[in-house]
Amino acid sequence: MGVLFAEAEASDDLIGQRQFDLKLVKELRINDGDTGFSYNKIFVDGIDDQLETVVVDEPYMRVHEQMLVTRAKNLRRIVLCTQNDCLQEKLNQLRNDLITRHIVLTIKCSNSMHDREIRFDNGWTYRIGRGLNYFKRERHFTLGMTDYEFKKCFETVVCILREMRPKSRIESNES
């Protein structure tokens, strides 16, 4: 386990240090009270077999439901950058659970961050105005209580961007 943490800490800035040439692929405008905007729907383009690392910049992480959990079978690392160190104990529990699935969770705290962004190492980037906290609380015994497709949303804009790689770089990655 120590080796996994050492490797993650040594390389956890790989995505952060790269320069990106991003192109807006899709913009979703979610109106107040809309439903049908689950995490699965928002992140569908980015979840693929190439995805190994996710960097989540979410300064106002408050509740456990906000943690991005994907079905990417090759996911090996999640880097969470947040202001809220009050969740440290819960995030440590999540870290231990993820390790059993061979996924390393690195947590970074910054009191100066504000922007929200989720970056996938396969070239997809998501900018959500409200961050991951775009769902309204649901009452017990309603459809939206357990199924995010039925949860009502706060108004926000989701920008889905894709890294534009030079053709020669894409071809060399496929070799």
N, C-alpha and C. Protein backbone atom coordinates (compact mmCIF):
# COMPACT_ATOMS: atom_id res chain seq x y z
N MET A 1 0.81 -1.19 0.00
CA MET A 1 0.00 0.00 0.00
C MET A 1 0.85 1.25 0.00
N GLY A 2 1.95 1.23 0.76
CA GLY A 2 2.83 2.39 0.80
C GLY A 2 3.38 2.73 -0.56
N VAL A 3 3.66 1.70 -1.37
CA VAL A 3 4.17 1.92 -2.72
C VAL A 3 3.13 2.64 -3.57
N LEU A 4 1.86 2.22 -3.44
CA LEU A 4 0.80 2.88 -4.20
C LEU A 4 0.71 4.36 -3.87
N PHE A 5 0.75 4.70 -2.56
CA PHE A 5 0.70 6.10 -2.17
C PHE A 5 1.92 6.86 -2.66
N ALA A 6 3.10 6.26 -2.56
CA ALA A 6 4.32 6.93 -3.00
C ALA A 6 4.26 7.23 -4.49
N GLU A 7 3.79 6.25 -5.28
CA GLU A 7 3.68 6.46 -6.73
C GLU A 7 2.67 7.56 -7.03
N ALA A 8 1.55 7.56 -6.34
CA ALA A 8 0.52 8.57 -6.58
C ALA A 8 1.01 9.95 -6.21
N GLU A 9 1.67 10.07 -5.07
CA GLU A 9 2.15 11.38 -4.64
C GLU A 9 3.25 11.90 -5.55
N ALA A 10 4.07 11.01 -6.08
CA ALA A 10 5.15 11.43 -6.97
C ALA A 10 4.61 11.90 -8.31
N SER A 11 3.46 11.39 -8.71
CA SER A 11 2.95 11.72 -10.04
C SER A 11 1.58 12.39 -10.02
N ASP A 12 1.10 12.85 -8.86
CA ASP A 12 -0.25 13.38 -8.80
C ASP A 12 -0.42 14.73 -9.48
N ASP A 13 0.66 15.35 -9.92
CA ASP A 13 0.55 16.60 -10.65
C ASP A 13 0.69 16.42 -12.16
N LEU A 14 0.70 15.19 -12.65
CA LEU A 14 0.88 14.97 -14.08
C LEU A 14 -0.17 15.71 -14.90
N ILE A 15 -1.42 15.58 -14.54
CA ILE A 15 -2.47 16.27 -15.29
C ILE A 15 -2.40 17.76 -15.01
N GLY A 16 -2.16 18.14 -13.77
CA GLY A 16 -2.13 19.54 -13.39
C GLY A 16 -1.03 20.33 -14.08
N GLN A 17 0.10 19.68 -14.42
CA GLN A 17 1.23 20.38 -15.02
C GLN A 17 1.12 20.49 -16.54
N ARG A 18 0.27 19.70 -17.17
CA ARG A 18 0.16 19.72 -18.62
C ARG A 18 -0.60 20.94 -19.10
N GLN A 19 -0.24 21.40 -20.29
CA GLN A 19 -0.97 22.47 -20.93
C GLN A 19 -2.04 21.83 -21.82
N PHE A 20 -3.24 22.37 -21.79
CA PHE A 20 -4.34 21.79 -22.53
C PHE A 20 -4.80 22.72 -23.64
N ASP A 21 -5.14 22.14 -24.78
CA ASP A 21 -5.81 22.84 -25.85
C ASP A 21 -7.22 22.25 -25.89
N LEU A 22 -8.14 22.88 -25.16
CA LEU A 22 -9.47 22.33 -25.00
C LEU A 22 -10.46 22.96 -25.96
N LYS A 23 -11.38 22.14 -26.45
CA LYS A 23 -12.44 22.61 -27.33
C LYS A 23 -13.78 22.27 -26.68
N LEU A 24 -14.69 23.25 -26.66
CA LEU A 24 -16.02 23.01 -26.12
C LEU A 24 -16.76 22.05 -27.04
N VAL A 25 -17.17 20.92 -26.49
CA VAL A 25 -17.89 19.90 -27.26
C VAL A 25 -19.39 20.06 -27.06
N LYS A 26 -19.78 20.34 -25.82
CA LYS A 26 -21.20 20.41 -25.49
C LYS A 26 -21.39 21.32 -24.29
N GLU A 27 -22.49 22.07 -24.31
CA GLU A 27 -22.85 22.88 -23.16
C GLU A 27 -24.27 22.51 -22.77
N LEU A 28 -24.44 22.08 -21.53
CA LEU A 28 -25.77 21.72 -21.03
C LEU A 28 -26.24 22.81 -20.08
N ARG A 29 -27.39 23.35 -20.35
CA ARG A 29 -28.00 24.32 -19.44
C ARG A 29 -29.07 23.58 -18.66
N ILE A 30 -28.85 23.48 -17.37
CA ILE A 30 -29.80 22.79 -16.50
C ILE A 30 -30.63 23.86 -15.80
N ASN A 31 -31.93 23.80 -15.98
CA ASN A 31 -32.82 24.77 -15.34
C ASN A 31 -33.19 24.31 -13.94
N ASP A 32 -33.56 25.26 -13.10
CA ASP A 32 -33.96 24.95 -11.73
C ASP A 32 -35.14 23.98 -11.75
N GLY A 33 -34.99 22.86 -11.05
CA GLY A 33 -36.05 21.86 -10.97
C GLY A 33 -35.99 20.78 -12.03
N ASP A 34 -35.09 20.91 -13.01
CA ASP A 34 -34.95 19.87 -14.04
C ASP A 34 -34.53 18.54 -13.42
N THR A 35 -34.90 17.45 -14.08
CA THR A 35 -34.46 16.11 -13.70
C THR A 35 -33.81 15.47 -14.92
N GLY A 36 -33.17 14.31 -14.71
CA GLY A 36 -32.56 13.60 -15.83
C GLY A 36 -31.11 13.94 -16.07
N PHE A 37 -30.45 14.57 -15.10
CA PHE A 37 -29.05 14.97 -15.25
C PHE A 37 -28.17 14.29 -14.21
N SER A 38 -28.25 12.97 -14.15
CA SER A 38 -27.44 12.20 -13.21
C SER A 38 -25.96 12.32 -13.58
N TYR A 39 -25.10 11.93 -12.64
CA TYR A 39 -23.66 11.92 -12.94
C TYR A 39 -23.38 11.01 -14.14
N ASN A 40 -24.08 9.88 -14.23
CA ASN A 40 -23.87 8.98 -15.36
C ASN A 40 -24.14 9.67 -16.68
N LYS A 41 -25.19 10.49 -16.74
CA LYS A 41 -25.51 11.20 -17.98
C LYS A 41 -24.48 12.29 -18.28
N ILE A 42 -24.09 13.04 -17.26
CA ILE A 42 -23.14 14.14 -17.46
C ILE A 42 -21.79 13.61 -17.91
N PHE A 43 -21.29 12.54 -17.28
CA PHE A 43 -19.94 12.06 -17.52
C PHE A 43 -19.86 10.92 -18.53
N VAL A 44 -20.92 10.64 -19.26
CA VAL A 44 -20.96 9.49 -20.16
C VAL A 44 -19.84 9.51 -21.20
N ASP A 45 -19.50 10.67 -21.74
CA ASP A 45 -18.46 10.74 -22.78
C ASP A 45 -17.08 10.39 -22.24
N GLY A 46 -16.81 10.75 -21.00
CA GLY A 46 -15.47 10.58 -20.45
C GLY A 46 -15.19 9.23 -19.83
N ILE A 47 -16.22 8.46 -19.55
CA ILE A 47 -16.02 7.15 -18.91
C ILE A 47 -15.81 6.11 -20.00
N ASP A 48 -14.55 5.71 -20.16
CA ASP A 48 -14.22 4.69 -21.16
C ASP A 48 -13.06 3.85 -20.66
N ASP A 49 -12.61 2.92 -21.48
CA ASP A 49 -11.53 2.01 -21.08
C ASP A 49 -10.18 2.70 -20.98
N GLN A 50 -10.04 3.91 -21.53
CA GLN A 50 -8.78 4.65 -21.47
C GLN A 50 -8.61 5.41 -20.15
N LEU A 51 -9.70 5.62 -19.44
CA LEU A 51 -9.67 6.44 -18.22
C LEU A 51 -8.95 5.72 -17.09
N GLU A 52 -7.86 6.36 -16.61
CA GLU A 52 -7.10 5.81 -15.49
C GLU A 52 -7.05 6.78 -14.31
N THR A 53 -7.08 8.09 -14.58
CA THR A 53 -6.94 9.09 -13.53
C THR A 53 -8.01 10.17 -13.67
N VAL A 54 -8.59 10.56 -12.55
CA VAL A 54 -9.56 11.65 -12.50
C VAL A 54 -9.06 12.66 -11.47
N VAL A 55 -9.02 13.94 -11.87
CA VAL A 55 -8.67 15.02 -10.94
C VAL A 55 -9.94 15.84 -10.73
N VAL A 56 -10.38 15.92 -9.48
CA VAL A 56 -11.61 16.63 -9.13
C VAL A 56 -11.24 17.88 -8.33
N ASP A 57 -11.46 19.05 -8.92
CA ASP A 57 -11.29 20.32 -8.20
C ASP A 57 -12.68 20.73 -7.72
N GLU A 58 -12.98 20.50 -6.47
CA GLU A 58 -14.29 20.79 -5.89
C GLU A 58 -14.08 21.44 -4.53
N PRO A 59 -13.95 22.78 -4.50
CA PRO A 59 -13.61 23.45 -3.25
C PRO A 59 -14.67 23.33 -2.17
N TYR A 60 -15.91 23.15 -2.54
CA TYR A 60 -16.99 23.18 -1.55
C TYR A 60 -17.62 21.81 -1.35
N MET A 61 -16.82 20.78 -1.31
CA MET A 61 -17.29 19.42 -1.07
C MET A 61 -17.94 19.37 0.31
N ARG A 62 -19.20 18.98 0.35
CA ARG A 62 -19.90 18.99 1.64
C ARG A 62 -20.51 17.65 2.01
N VAL A 63 -21.01 16.93 1.05
CA VAL A 63 -21.70 15.68 1.37
C VAL A 63 -21.11 14.53 0.57
N HIS A 64 -21.26 13.33 1.12
CA HIS A 64 -20.64 12.17 0.49
C HIS A 64 -21.17 11.87 -0.90
N GLU A 65 -22.41 12.26 -1.20
CA GLU A 65 -22.96 11.96 -2.52
C GLU A 65 -22.22 12.70 -3.63
N GLN A 66 -21.44 13.72 -3.26
CA GLN A 66 -20.75 14.50 -4.27
C GLN A 66 -19.50 13.80 -4.81
N MET A 67 -19.08 12.73 -4.19
CA MET A 67 -17.86 12.07 -4.63
C MET A 67 -18.11 11.37 -5.96
N LEU A 68 -17.32 11.69 -6.95
CA LEU A 68 -17.46 11.09 -8.27
C LEU A 68 -17.02 9.64 -8.21
N VAL A 69 -17.92 8.75 -8.53
CA VAL A 69 -17.60 7.33 -8.59
C VAL A 69 -17.99 6.86 -9.98
N THR A 70 -17.04 6.29 -10.68
CA THR A 70 -17.30 5.88 -12.06
C THR A 70 -17.26 4.37 -12.20
N ARG A 71 -17.68 3.93 -13.35
CA ARG A 71 -17.62 2.52 -13.68
C ARG A 71 -16.47 2.24 -14.66
N ALA A 72 -15.49 3.11 -14.67
CA ALA A 72 -14.34 2.92 -15.56
C ALA A 72 -13.50 1.76 -15.04
N LYS A 73 -13.40 0.71 -15.83
CA LYS A 73 -12.73 -0.50 -15.32
C LYS A 73 -11.23 -0.35 -15.17
N ASN A 74 -10.62 0.66 -15.78
CA ASN A 74 -9.18 0.86 -15.65
C ASN A 74 -8.82 2.05 -14.75
N LEU A 75 -9.80 2.58 -14.04
CA LEU A 75 -9.54 3.70 -13.13
C LEU A 75 -8.60 3.25 -12.03
N ARG A 76 -7.50 3.99 -11.85
CA ARG A 76 -6.50 3.64 -10.85
C ARG A 76 -6.23 4.76 -9.86
N ARG A 77 -6.67 5.99 -10.18
CA ARG A 77 -6.31 7.10 -9.30
C ARG A 77 -7.35 8.21 -9.38
N ILE A 78 -7.70 8.74 -8.20
CA ILE A 78 -8.56 9.91 -8.09
C ILE A 78 -7.80 10.92 -7.23
N VAL A 79 -7.68 12.14 -7.75
CA VAL A 79 -7.07 13.22 -6.99
C VAL A 79 -8.19 14.21 -6.68
N LEU A 80 -8.46 14.42 -5.40
CA LEU A 80 -9.50 15.34 -4.97
C LEU A 80 -8.86 16.57 -4.36
N CYS A 81 -9.13 17.73 -4.96
CA CYS A 81 -8.65 19.01 -4.44
C CYS A 81 -9.86 19.75 -3.88
N THR A 82 -9.82 20.07 -2.58
CA THR A 82 -10.95 20.70 -1.93
C THR A 82 -10.49 21.65 -0.83
N GLN A 83 -11.38 22.53 -0.41
CA GLN A 83 -11.10 23.41 0.73
C GLN A 83 -11.47 22.75 2.04
N ASN A 84 -12.42 21.85 1.97
CA ASN A 84 -13.05 21.33 3.17
C ASN A 84 -12.27 20.17 3.78
N ASP A 85 -11.50 20.45 4.82
CA ASP A 85 -10.79 19.37 5.48
C ASP A 85 -11.63 18.75 6.60
N CYS A 86 -12.87 19.23 6.77
CA CYS A 86 -13.77 18.64 7.77
C CYS A 86 -14.17 17.22 7.39
N LEU A 87 -14.11 16.91 6.12
CA LEU A 87 -14.50 15.58 5.65
C LEU A 87 -13.33 14.60 5.69
N GLN A 88 -12.21 15.00 6.23
CA GLN A 88 -10.99 14.19 6.18
C GLN A 88 -11.22 12.76 6.66
N GLU A 89 -11.92 12.58 7.77
CA GLU A 89 -12.13 11.23 8.31
C GLU A 89 -12.96 10.38 7.34
N LYS A 90 -14.03 10.95 6.80
CA LYS A 90 -14.87 10.21 5.84
C LYS A 90 -14.10 9.92 4.57
N LEU A 91 -13.32 10.88 4.11
CA LEU A 91 -12.53 10.66 2.90
C LEU A 91 -11.45 9.61 3.13
N ASN A 92 -10.91 9.54 4.33
CA ASN A 92 -9.95 8.48 4.65
C ASN A 92 -10.62 7.11 4.62
N GLN A 93 -11.87 7.02 5.05
CA GLN A 93 -12.61 5.76 4.95
C GLN A 93 -12.79 5.38 3.49
N LEU A 94 -13.14 6.37 2.67
CA LEU A 94 -13.30 6.13 1.24
C LEU A 94 -11.97 5.71 0.62
N ARG A 95 -10.90 6.37 1.01
CA ARG A 95 -9.56 6.03 0.52
C ARG A 95 -9.25 4.55 0.79
N ASN A 96 -9.52 4.10 2.00
CA ASN A 96 -9.25 2.70 2.36
C ASN A 96 -10.11 1.74 1.55
N ASP A 97 -11.36 2.10 1.30
CA ASP A 97 -12.24 1.26 0.50
C ASP A 97 -11.75 1.20 -0.95
N LEU A 98 -11.32 2.33 -1.49
CA LEU A 98 -10.83 2.36 -2.87
C LEU A 98 -9.55 1.55 -3.03
N ILE A 99 -8.70 1.55 -2.02
CA ILE A 99 -7.46 0.77 -2.10
C ILE A 99 -7.75 -0.71 -2.32
N THR A 100 -8.81 -1.22 -1.71
CA THR A 100 -9.17 -2.63 -1.91
C THR A 100 -9.56 -2.90 -3.36
N ARG A 101 -9.87 -1.86 -4.09
CA ARG A 101 -10.22 -1.99 -5.52
C ARG A 101 -9.08 -1.49 -6.40
N HIS A 102 -7.91 -1.33 -5.81
CA HIS A 102 -6.69 -0.91 -6.51
C HIS A 102 -6.81 0.49 -7.11
N ILE A 103 -7.55 1.36 -6.40
CA ILE A 103 -7.68 2.76 -6.79
C ILE A 103 -7.12 3.61 -5.66
N VAL A 104 -6.20 4.52 -6.00
CA VAL A 104 -5.58 5.39 -5.01
C VAL A 104 -6.32 6.72 -5.00
N LEU A 105 -6.72 7.16 -3.81
CA LEU A 105 -7.35 8.47 -3.63
C LEU A 105 -6.34 9.38 -2.95
N THR A 106 -6.01 10.48 -3.63
CA THR A 106 -5.13 11.50 -3.06
C THR A 106 -5.98 12.72 -2.75
N ILE A 107 -5.85 13.25 -1.55
CA ILE A 107 -6.64 14.40 -1.13
C ILE A 107 -5.71 15.58 -0.92
N LYS A 108 -6.05 16.70 -1.57
CA LYS A 108 -5.28 17.94 -1.41
C LYS A 108 -6.24 19.01 -0.91
N CYS A 109 -5.81 19.79 0.06
CA CYS A 109 -6.63 20.88 0.59
C CYS A 109 -5.99 22.22 0.23
N SER A 110 -6.84 23.15 -0.19
CA SER A 110 -6.38 24.50 -0.51
C SER A 110 -7.47 25.48 -0.07
N ASN A 111 -7.10 26.46 0.72
CA ASN A 111 -8.07 27.45 1.16
C ASN A 111 -8.28 28.56 0.14
N SER A 112 -7.50 28.60 -0.93
CA SER A 112 -7.61 29.68 -1.90
C SER A 112 -8.33 29.28 -3.18
N MET A 113 -8.64 28.01 -3.37
CA MET A 113 -9.27 27.58 -4.63
C MET A 113 -10.74 27.98 -4.67
N HIS A 114 -11.24 28.18 -5.89
CA HIS A 114 -12.64 28.53 -6.06
C HIS A 114 -13.26 27.81 -7.26
N ASP A 115 -12.53 27.69 -8.35
CA ASP A 115 -13.07 27.10 -9.57
C ASP A 115 -13.31 25.61 -9.39
N ARG A 116 -14.31 25.13 -10.13
CA ARG A 116 -14.67 23.71 -10.07
C ARG A 116 -14.41 23.10 -11.44
N GLU A 117 -13.76 21.96 -11.42
CA GLU A 117 -13.43 21.30 -12.69
C GLU A 117 -13.14 19.83 -12.41
N ILE A 118 -13.52 18.97 -13.34
CA ILE A 118 -13.20 17.55 -13.27
C ILE A 118 -12.45 17.21 -14.55
N ARG A 119 -11.21 16.72 -14.40
CA ARG A 119 -10.37 16.41 -15.55
C ARG A 119 -10.11 14.91 -15.60
N PHE A 120 -10.36 14.33 -16.75
CA PHE A 120 -10.07 12.91 -16.98
C PHE A 120 -8.80 12.84 -17.81
N ASP A 121 -7.94 11.87 -17.52
CA ASP A 121 -6.68 11.78 -18.25
C ASP A 121 -6.85 11.27 -19.68
N ASN A 122 -8.06 10.94 -20.09
CA ASN A 122 -8.31 10.54 -21.47
C ASN A 122 -8.72 11.73 -22.34
N GLY A 123 -8.57 12.95 -21.80
CA GLY A 123 -8.79 14.15 -22.60
C GLY A 123 -10.08 14.90 -22.33
N TRP A 124 -10.98 14.36 -21.53
CA TRP A 124 -12.24 15.02 -21.24
C TRP A 124 -12.12 15.90 -20.00
N THR A 125 -12.74 17.08 -20.06
CA THR A 125 -12.79 18.00 -18.93
C THR A 125 -14.22 18.49 -18.77
N TYR A 126 -14.67 18.57 -17.53
CA TYR A 126 -16.03 19.00 -17.21
C TYR A 126 -15.96 20.19 -16.28
N ARG A 127 -16.65 21.25 -16.65
CA ARG A 127 -16.75 22.43 -15.80
C ARG A 127 -18.23 22.62 -15.47
N ILE A 128 -18.54 22.51 -14.19
CA ILE A 128 -19.93 22.60 -13.74
C ILE A 128 -20.01 23.80 -12.81
N GLY A 129 -20.83 24.78 -13.18
CA GLY A 129 -20.92 26.02 -12.42
C GLY A 129 -21.12 25.82 -10.93
N ARG A 130 -21.96 24.89 -10.55
CA ARG A 130 -22.21 24.61 -9.14
C ARG A 130 -21.33 23.49 -8.62
N GLY A 131 -20.41 23.01 -9.41
CA GLY A 131 -19.62 21.87 -9.00
C GLY A 131 -20.49 20.63 -8.95
N LEU A 132 -20.09 19.66 -8.17
CA LEU A 132 -20.85 18.41 -8.07
C LEU A 132 -22.12 18.56 -7.24
N ASN A 133 -22.30 19.71 -6.63
CA ASN A 133 -23.44 19.96 -5.77
C ASN A 133 -24.57 20.64 -6.54
N TYR A 134 -25.04 20.01 -7.62
CA TYR A 134 -26.12 20.61 -8.39
C TYR A 134 -27.47 19.92 -8.16
N PHE A 135 -27.53 18.99 -7.22
CA PHE A 135 -28.79 18.31 -6.91
C PHE A 135 -29.46 18.92 -5.68
N LYS A 136 -30.78 19.04 -5.76
CA LYS A 136 -31.55 19.49 -4.60
C LYS A 136 -31.79 18.30 -3.67
N ARG A 137 -31.98 18.60 -2.40
CA ARG A 137 -32.33 17.54 -1.44
C ARG A 137 -33.73 17.04 -1.76
N GLU A 138 -33.88 15.74 -1.70
CA GLU A 138 -35.19 15.12 -1.95
C GLU A 138 -35.80 14.65 -0.64
N ARG A 139 -37.10 14.64 -0.60
CA ARG A 139 -37.80 14.11 0.57
C ARG A 139 -37.71 12.59 0.55
N HIS A 140 -37.83 12.01 1.73
CA HIS A 140 -37.84 10.55 1.83
C HIS A 140 -39.05 10.00 1.07
N PHE A 141 -38.89 8.80 0.54
CA PHE A 141 -39.95 8.08 -0.17
C PHE A 141 -40.37 8.79 -1.46
N THR A 142 -39.39 9.43 -2.13
CA THR A 142 -39.62 9.97 -3.46
C THR A 142 -38.64 9.28 -4.41
N LEU A 143 -38.94 9.30 -5.69
CA LEU A 143 -38.07 8.64 -6.67
C LEU A 143 -36.66 9.20 -6.64
N GLY A 144 -36.54 10.51 -6.45
CA GLY A 144 -35.23 11.15 -6.47
C GLY A 144 -34.38 10.87 -5.25
N MET A 145 -34.93 10.24 -4.25
CA MET A 145 -34.16 9.97 -3.04
C MET A 145 -33.01 9.00 -3.31
N THR A 146 -33.24 8.00 -4.16
CA THR A 146 -32.21 6.99 -4.41
C THR A 146 -31.73 6.95 -5.85
N ASP A 147 -32.44 7.56 -6.77
CA ASP A 147 -32.07 7.50 -8.18
C ASP A 147 -31.79 8.92 -8.69
N TYR A 148 -30.54 9.17 -9.06
CA TYR A 148 -30.13 10.51 -9.49
C TYR A 148 -30.82 10.96 -10.77
N GLU A 149 -31.34 10.06 -11.57
CA GLU A 149 -32.09 10.45 -12.77
C GLU A 149 -33.34 11.24 -12.40
N PHE A 150 -33.88 10.97 -11.21
CA PHE A 150 -35.12 11.61 -10.78
C PHE A 150 -34.89 12.77 -9.81
N LYS A 151 -33.64 13.01 -9.43
CA LYS A 151 -33.36 14.12 -8.51
C LYS A 151 -33.55 15.46 -9.22
N LYS A 152 -34.17 16.40 -8.55
CA LYS A 152 -34.31 17.75 -9.10
C LYS A 152 -32.99 18.48 -8.95
N CYS A 153 -32.70 19.32 -9.93
CA CYS A 153 -31.41 20.02 -9.98
C CYS A 153 -31.58 21.51 -9.67
N PHE A 154 -30.49 22.10 -9.20
CA PHE A 154 -30.38 23.55 -9.15
C PHE A 154 -29.98 24.02 -10.55
N GLU A 155 -30.26 25.26 -10.86
CA GLU A 155 -29.86 25.82 -12.15
C GLU A 155 -28.34 25.89 -12.23
N THR A 156 -27.79 25.43 -13.34
CA THR A 156 -26.34 25.49 -13.55
C THR A 156 -26.04 25.25 -15.03
N VAL A 157 -24.80 25.47 -15.39
CA VAL A 157 -24.33 25.21 -16.74
C VAL A 157 -23.19 24.20 -16.65
N VAL A 158 -23.23 23.20 -17.52
CA VAL A 158 -22.18 22.19 -17.60
C VAL A 158 -21.48 22.36 -18.94
N CYS A 159 -20.18 22.62 -18.91
CA CYS A 159 -19.38 22.71 -20.13
C CYS A 159 -18.56 21.44 -20.24
N ILE A 160 -18.74 20.73 -21.35
CA ILE A 160 -18.00 19.50 -21.60
C ILE A 160 -16.98 19.80 -22.67
N LEU A 161 -15.70 19.64 -22.31
CA LEU A 161 -14.60 19.99 -23.20
C LEU A 161 -13.77 18.76 -23.52
N ARG A 162 -13.08 18.82 -24.63
CA ARG A 162 -12.22 17.72 -25.07
C ARG A 162 -10.86 18.28 -25.43
N GLU A 163 -9.82 17.60 -24.98
CA GLU A 163 -8.46 18.01 -25.33
C GLU A 163 -8.23 17.71 -26.81
N MET A 164 -7.76 18.72 -27.53
CA MET A 164 -7.45 18.55 -28.95
C MET A 164 -5.98 18.19 -29.07
N ARG A 165 -5.72 16.99 -29.50
CA ARG A 165 -4.35 16.52 -29.64
C ARG A 165 -3.96 16.55 -31.11
N PRO A 166 -2.73 16.93 -31.39
CA PRO A 166 -2.28 16.87 -32.78
C PRO A 166 -2.42 15.45 -33.31
N LYS A 167 -2.77 15.33 -34.59
CA LYS A 167 -3.01 14.02 -35.19
C LYS A 167 -1.82 13.09 -35.00
N SER A 168 -0.60 13.60 -35.17
CA SER A 168 0.59 12.75 -35.02
C SER A 168 0.69 12.20 -33.60
N ARG A 169 0.27 12.99 -32.61
CA ARG A 169 0.32 12.53 -31.22
C ARG A 169 -0.69 11.41 -30.98
N ILE A 170 -1.88 11.54 -31.58
CA ILE A 170 -2.90 10.51 -31.44
C ILE A 170 -2.41 9.22 -32.08
N GLU A 171 -1.84 9.33 -33.29
CA GLU A 171 -1.36 8.13 -33.98
C GLU A 171 -0.25 7.46 -33.20
N SER A 172 0.67 8.25 -32.60
CA SER A 172 1.76 7.64 -31.85
C SER A 172 1.25 6.98 -30.58
N ASN A 173 0.14 7.48 -30.01
CA ASN A 173 -0.45 6.86 -28.83
C ASN A 173 -1.13 5.54 -29.17
N GLU A 174 -1.59 5.39 -30.41
CA GLU A 174 -2.28 4.17 -30.81
C GLU A 174 -1.30 3.07 -31.18
N SER A 175 -0.05 3.40 -31.44
CA SER A 175 0.94 2.40 -31.85
C SER A 175 1.32 1.50 -30.71
